[in-house]
Amino acid sequence: MEIKVMGSGCANCKALYETMREAAKGLGIMSEIIYDTDIQHVIEMNILRLPAVVIDDRVISQGRKYSVAEAQELIKSQLPRL
C-alpha cells in the first residue's frame, strides 16, 4: 500500500502528513508515507483542494484534515478485502 499526502507545504498539509504517519503506524502498516509538495503532481492527479490523500494512486480525500482515528478508518477502507 502506498500512501501519499499531497500538499503545498503549509501547516495544515504538514499536520495531515504527520497524522497519516501516526495512523498507519498504529495500524501496523509499514509502508512509507510520502509527502509530495510538487504542484505538477497535484495538477496531474486533478486535485483541486489541498491537502489531499492518495492511496495506491487513487485520490481518496481532498481539502480535509483528519484525527488519527479518522485517518485509520480512511486507510482501513482502502485495504484489500480478504
N, C-alpha and C. Protein backbone atom coordinates (compact mmCIF):
# COMPACT_ATOMS: atom_id res chain seq x y z
N MET A 1 0.86 -1.17 0.00
CA MET A 1 0.00 0.00 0.00
C MET A 1 0.90 1.23 0.00
N GLU A 2 0.67 2.12 -0.95
CA GLU A 2 1.41 3.38 -1.00
C GLU A 2 0.47 4.50 -0.58
N ILE A 3 0.88 5.25 0.42
CA ILE A 3 0.08 6.36 0.93
C ILE A 3 0.85 7.65 0.71
N LYS A 4 0.21 8.62 0.05
CA LYS A 4 0.81 9.93 -0.18
C LYS A 4 -0.10 11.00 0.38
N VAL A 5 0.54 12.01 0.95
CA VAL A 5 -0.17 13.23 1.30
C VAL A 5 0.35 14.27 0.32
N MET A 6 -0.55 14.84 -0.45
CA MET A 6 -0.21 15.89 -1.40
C MET A 6 -0.51 17.21 -0.72
N GLY A 7 0.47 18.11 -0.76
CA GLY A 7 0.26 19.38 -0.10
C GLY A 7 1.16 20.47 -0.64
N SER A 8 0.94 21.65 -0.12
CA SER A 8 1.71 22.82 -0.56
C SER A 8 2.87 23.13 0.37
N GLY A 9 2.94 22.45 1.49
CA GLY A 9 3.96 22.75 2.48
C GLY A 9 3.44 23.59 3.62
N CYS A 10 2.14 23.88 3.60
CA CYS A 10 1.55 24.70 4.66
C CYS A 10 1.37 23.88 5.94
N ALA A 11 1.00 24.54 7.01
CA ALA A 11 0.84 23.88 8.31
C ALA A 11 -0.22 22.78 8.27
N ASN A 12 -1.34 23.03 7.59
CA ASN A 12 -2.41 22.01 7.50
C ASN A 12 -1.93 20.77 6.76
N CYS A 13 -1.18 20.97 5.69
CA CYS A 13 -0.68 19.83 4.91
C CYS A 13 0.33 19.02 5.72
N LYS A 14 1.23 19.72 6.41
CA LYS A 14 2.21 19.04 7.24
C LYS A 14 1.54 18.28 8.38
N ALA A 15 0.51 18.89 8.96
CA ALA A 15 -0.22 18.23 10.05
C ALA A 15 -0.90 16.95 9.56
N LEU A 16 -1.49 16.99 8.36
CA LEU A 16 -2.14 15.79 7.82
C LEU A 16 -1.10 14.70 7.55
N TYR A 17 0.05 15.09 7.06
CA TYR A 17 1.12 14.13 6.83
C TYR A 17 1.49 13.41 8.13
N GLU A 18 1.68 14.16 9.19
CA GLU A 18 2.02 13.56 10.49
C GLU A 18 0.89 12.68 11.00
N THR A 19 -0.34 13.11 10.81
CA THR A 19 -1.50 12.32 11.23
C THR A 19 -1.55 11.00 10.47
N MET A 20 -1.33 11.04 9.17
CA MET A 20 -1.37 9.82 8.36
C MET A 20 -0.23 8.88 8.76
N ARG A 21 0.94 9.42 9.08
CA ARG A 21 2.06 8.58 9.54
C ARG A 21 1.69 7.88 10.84
N GLU A 22 1.12 8.63 11.76
CA GLU A 22 0.75 8.06 13.05
C GLU A 22 -0.36 7.01 12.89
N ALA A 23 -1.32 7.30 12.01
CA ALA A 23 -2.42 6.36 11.79
C ALA A 23 -1.91 5.05 11.19
N ALA A 24 -1.05 5.15 10.19
CA ALA A 24 -0.50 3.94 9.56
C ALA A 24 0.31 3.13 10.56
N LYS A 25 1.11 3.81 11.35
CA LYS A 25 1.92 3.13 12.36
C LYS A 25 1.01 2.41 13.37
N GLY A 26 -0.06 3.09 13.78
CA GLY A 26 -1.00 2.49 14.73
C GLY A 26 -1.69 1.25 14.17
N LEU A 27 -1.84 1.20 12.86
CA LEU A 27 -2.47 0.04 12.21
C LEU A 27 -1.45 -1.05 11.88
N GLY A 28 -0.18 -0.77 12.13
CA GLY A 28 0.86 -1.75 11.82
C GLY A 28 1.22 -1.78 10.35
N ILE A 29 0.89 -0.75 9.62
CA ILE A 29 1.22 -0.67 8.19
C ILE A 29 2.63 -0.10 8.08
N MET A 30 3.50 -0.86 7.47
CA MET A 30 4.90 -0.49 7.44
C MET A 30 5.30 0.25 6.17
N SER A 31 4.36 0.55 5.30
CA SER A 31 4.73 1.26 4.09
C SER A 31 5.12 2.70 4.42
N GLU A 32 5.97 3.26 3.59
CA GLU A 32 6.41 4.64 3.78
C GLU A 32 5.26 5.58 3.42
N ILE A 33 5.10 6.61 4.21
CA ILE A 33 4.11 7.64 3.91
C ILE A 33 4.88 8.76 3.21
N ILE A 34 4.45 9.10 2.03
CA ILE A 34 5.15 10.08 1.21
C ILE A 34 4.46 11.43 1.32
N TYR A 35 5.24 12.48 1.46
CA TYR A 35 4.71 13.84 1.48
C TYR A 35 5.19 14.51 0.20
N ASP A 36 4.27 14.76 -0.71
CA ASP A 36 4.59 15.29 -2.04
C ASP A 36 4.10 16.73 -2.16
N THR A 37 5.02 17.65 -2.35
CA THR A 37 4.66 19.06 -2.49
C THR A 37 4.84 19.57 -3.92
N ASP A 38 5.06 18.66 -4.85
CA ASP A 38 5.27 19.05 -6.25
C ASP A 38 3.93 19.42 -6.89
N ILE A 39 3.75 20.69 -7.21
CA ILE A 39 2.48 21.17 -7.76
C ILE A 39 2.16 20.49 -9.09
N GLN A 40 3.17 20.09 -9.84
CA GLN A 40 2.91 19.39 -11.11
C GLN A 40 2.22 18.04 -10.85
N HIS A 41 2.60 17.35 -9.80
CA HIS A 41 1.95 16.08 -9.45
C HIS A 41 0.50 16.33 -9.03
N VAL A 42 0.27 17.41 -8.30
CA VAL A 42 -1.09 17.79 -7.90
C VAL A 42 -1.95 18.01 -9.13
N ILE A 43 -1.43 18.74 -10.10
CA ILE A 43 -2.17 19.04 -11.34
C ILE A 43 -2.43 17.76 -12.12
N GLU A 44 -1.42 16.90 -12.24
CA GLU A 44 -1.56 15.65 -12.99
C GLU A 44 -2.64 14.74 -12.39
N MET A 45 -2.83 14.81 -11.08
CA MET A 45 -3.83 13.96 -10.43
C MET A 45 -5.20 14.64 -10.33
N ASN A 46 -5.32 15.83 -10.93
CA ASN A 46 -6.58 16.58 -10.92
C ASN A 46 -7.07 16.89 -9.51
N ILE A 47 -6.15 17.17 -8.62
CA ILE A 47 -6.50 17.53 -7.25
C ILE A 47 -6.83 19.02 -7.22
N LEU A 48 -8.00 19.33 -6.69
CA LEU A 48 -8.46 20.72 -6.67
C LEU A 48 -8.27 21.40 -5.32
N ARG A 49 -8.22 20.61 -4.24
CA ARG A 49 -8.08 21.19 -2.90
C ARG A 49 -7.03 20.42 -2.12
N LEU A 50 -6.21 21.17 -1.42
CA LEU A 50 -5.16 20.57 -0.60
C LEU A 50 -5.48 20.76 0.87
N PRO A 51 -5.00 19.89 1.72
CA PRO A 51 -4.21 18.70 1.44
C PRO A 51 -5.08 17.58 0.87
N ALA A 52 -4.41 16.66 0.21
CA ALA A 52 -5.11 15.51 -0.37
C ALA A 52 -4.41 14.23 0.07
N VAL A 53 -5.18 13.17 0.17
CA VAL A 53 -4.64 11.85 0.49
C VAL A 53 -4.80 10.97 -0.75
N VAL A 54 -3.71 10.35 -1.15
CA VAL A 54 -3.70 9.45 -2.31
C VAL A 54 -3.22 8.10 -1.81
N ILE A 55 -4.03 7.07 -2.04
CA ILE A 55 -3.65 5.71 -1.65
C ILE A 55 -3.67 4.85 -2.90
N ASP A 56 -2.52 4.23 -3.16
CA ASP A 56 -2.35 3.39 -4.35
C ASP A 56 -2.80 4.11 -5.62
N ASP A 57 -2.34 5.34 -5.77
CA ASP A 57 -2.59 6.18 -6.96
C ASP A 57 -4.05 6.57 -7.15
N ARG A 58 -4.87 6.48 -6.10
CA ARG A 58 -6.26 6.94 -6.16
C ARG A 58 -6.44 8.07 -5.16
N VAL A 59 -7.02 9.16 -5.60
CA VAL A 59 -7.28 10.28 -4.70
C VAL A 59 -8.44 9.88 -3.80
N ILE A 60 -8.19 9.84 -2.50
CA ILE A 60 -9.17 9.38 -1.52
C ILE A 60 -9.84 10.55 -0.82
N SER A 61 -9.10 11.63 -0.64
CA SER A 61 -9.62 12.76 0.11
C SER A 61 -8.97 14.05 -0.38
N GLN A 62 -9.74 15.13 -0.38
CA GLN A 62 -9.21 16.44 -0.75
C GLN A 62 -9.72 17.50 0.22
N GLY A 63 -8.83 18.40 0.61
CA GLY A 63 -9.22 19.57 1.37
C GLY A 63 -9.70 19.33 2.78
N ARG A 64 -9.24 18.25 3.40
CA ARG A 64 -9.74 17.92 4.73
C ARG A 64 -8.62 17.38 5.61
N LYS A 65 -8.65 17.77 6.88
CA LYS A 65 -7.74 17.20 7.87
C LYS A 65 -8.51 16.13 8.64
N TYR A 66 -7.79 15.20 9.24
CA TYR A 66 -8.40 14.10 9.97
C TYR A 66 -7.76 13.94 11.34
N SER A 67 -8.51 13.39 12.27
CA SER A 67 -7.91 12.92 13.52
C SER A 67 -7.21 11.60 13.19
N VAL A 68 -6.40 11.11 14.11
CA VAL A 68 -5.72 9.84 13.88
C VAL A 68 -6.74 8.72 13.69
N ALA A 69 -7.78 8.69 14.50
CA ALA A 69 -8.82 7.64 14.39
C ALA A 69 -9.51 7.72 13.03
N GLU A 70 -9.83 8.92 12.57
CA GLU A 70 -10.48 9.08 11.26
C GLU A 70 -9.53 8.64 10.14
N ALA A 71 -8.26 8.98 10.28
CA ALA A 71 -7.26 8.59 9.27
C ALA A 71 -7.12 7.07 9.22
N GLN A 72 -7.18 6.43 10.37
CA GLN A 72 -7.10 4.97 10.39
C GLN A 72 -8.30 4.36 9.68
N GLU A 73 -9.47 4.91 9.88
CA GLU A 73 -10.66 4.42 9.18
C GLU A 73 -10.53 4.62 7.67
N LEU A 74 -9.97 5.76 7.28
CA LEU A 74 -9.75 6.04 5.86
C LEU A 74 -8.81 5.01 5.26
N ILE A 75 -7.72 4.71 5.95
CA ILE A 75 -6.76 3.72 5.47
C ILE A 75 -7.41 2.34 5.42
N LYS A 76 -8.10 1.95 6.48
CA LYS A 76 -8.73 0.63 6.52
C LYS A 76 -9.76 0.46 5.40
N SER A 77 -10.41 1.54 5.01
CA SER A 77 -11.41 1.44 3.94
C SER A 77 -10.76 1.12 2.59
N GLN A 78 -9.46 1.30 2.50
CA GLN A 78 -8.74 1.04 1.25
C GLN A 78 -7.94 -0.26 1.25
N LEU A 79 -7.97 -0.96 2.37
CA LEU A 79 -7.25 -2.25 2.44
C LEU A 79 -8.00 -3.28 1.61
N PRO A 80 -7.25 -4.18 0.96
CA PRO A 80 -7.91 -5.23 0.18
C PRO A 80 -8.74 -6.14 1.09
N ARG A 81 -9.86 -6.53 0.60
CA ARG A 81 -10.73 -7.45 1.34
C ARG A 81 -10.21 -8.88 1.16
N LEU A 82 -10.07 -9.58 2.28
CA LEU A 82 -9.57 -10.97 2.22
C LEU A 82 -10.70 -11.95 2.42
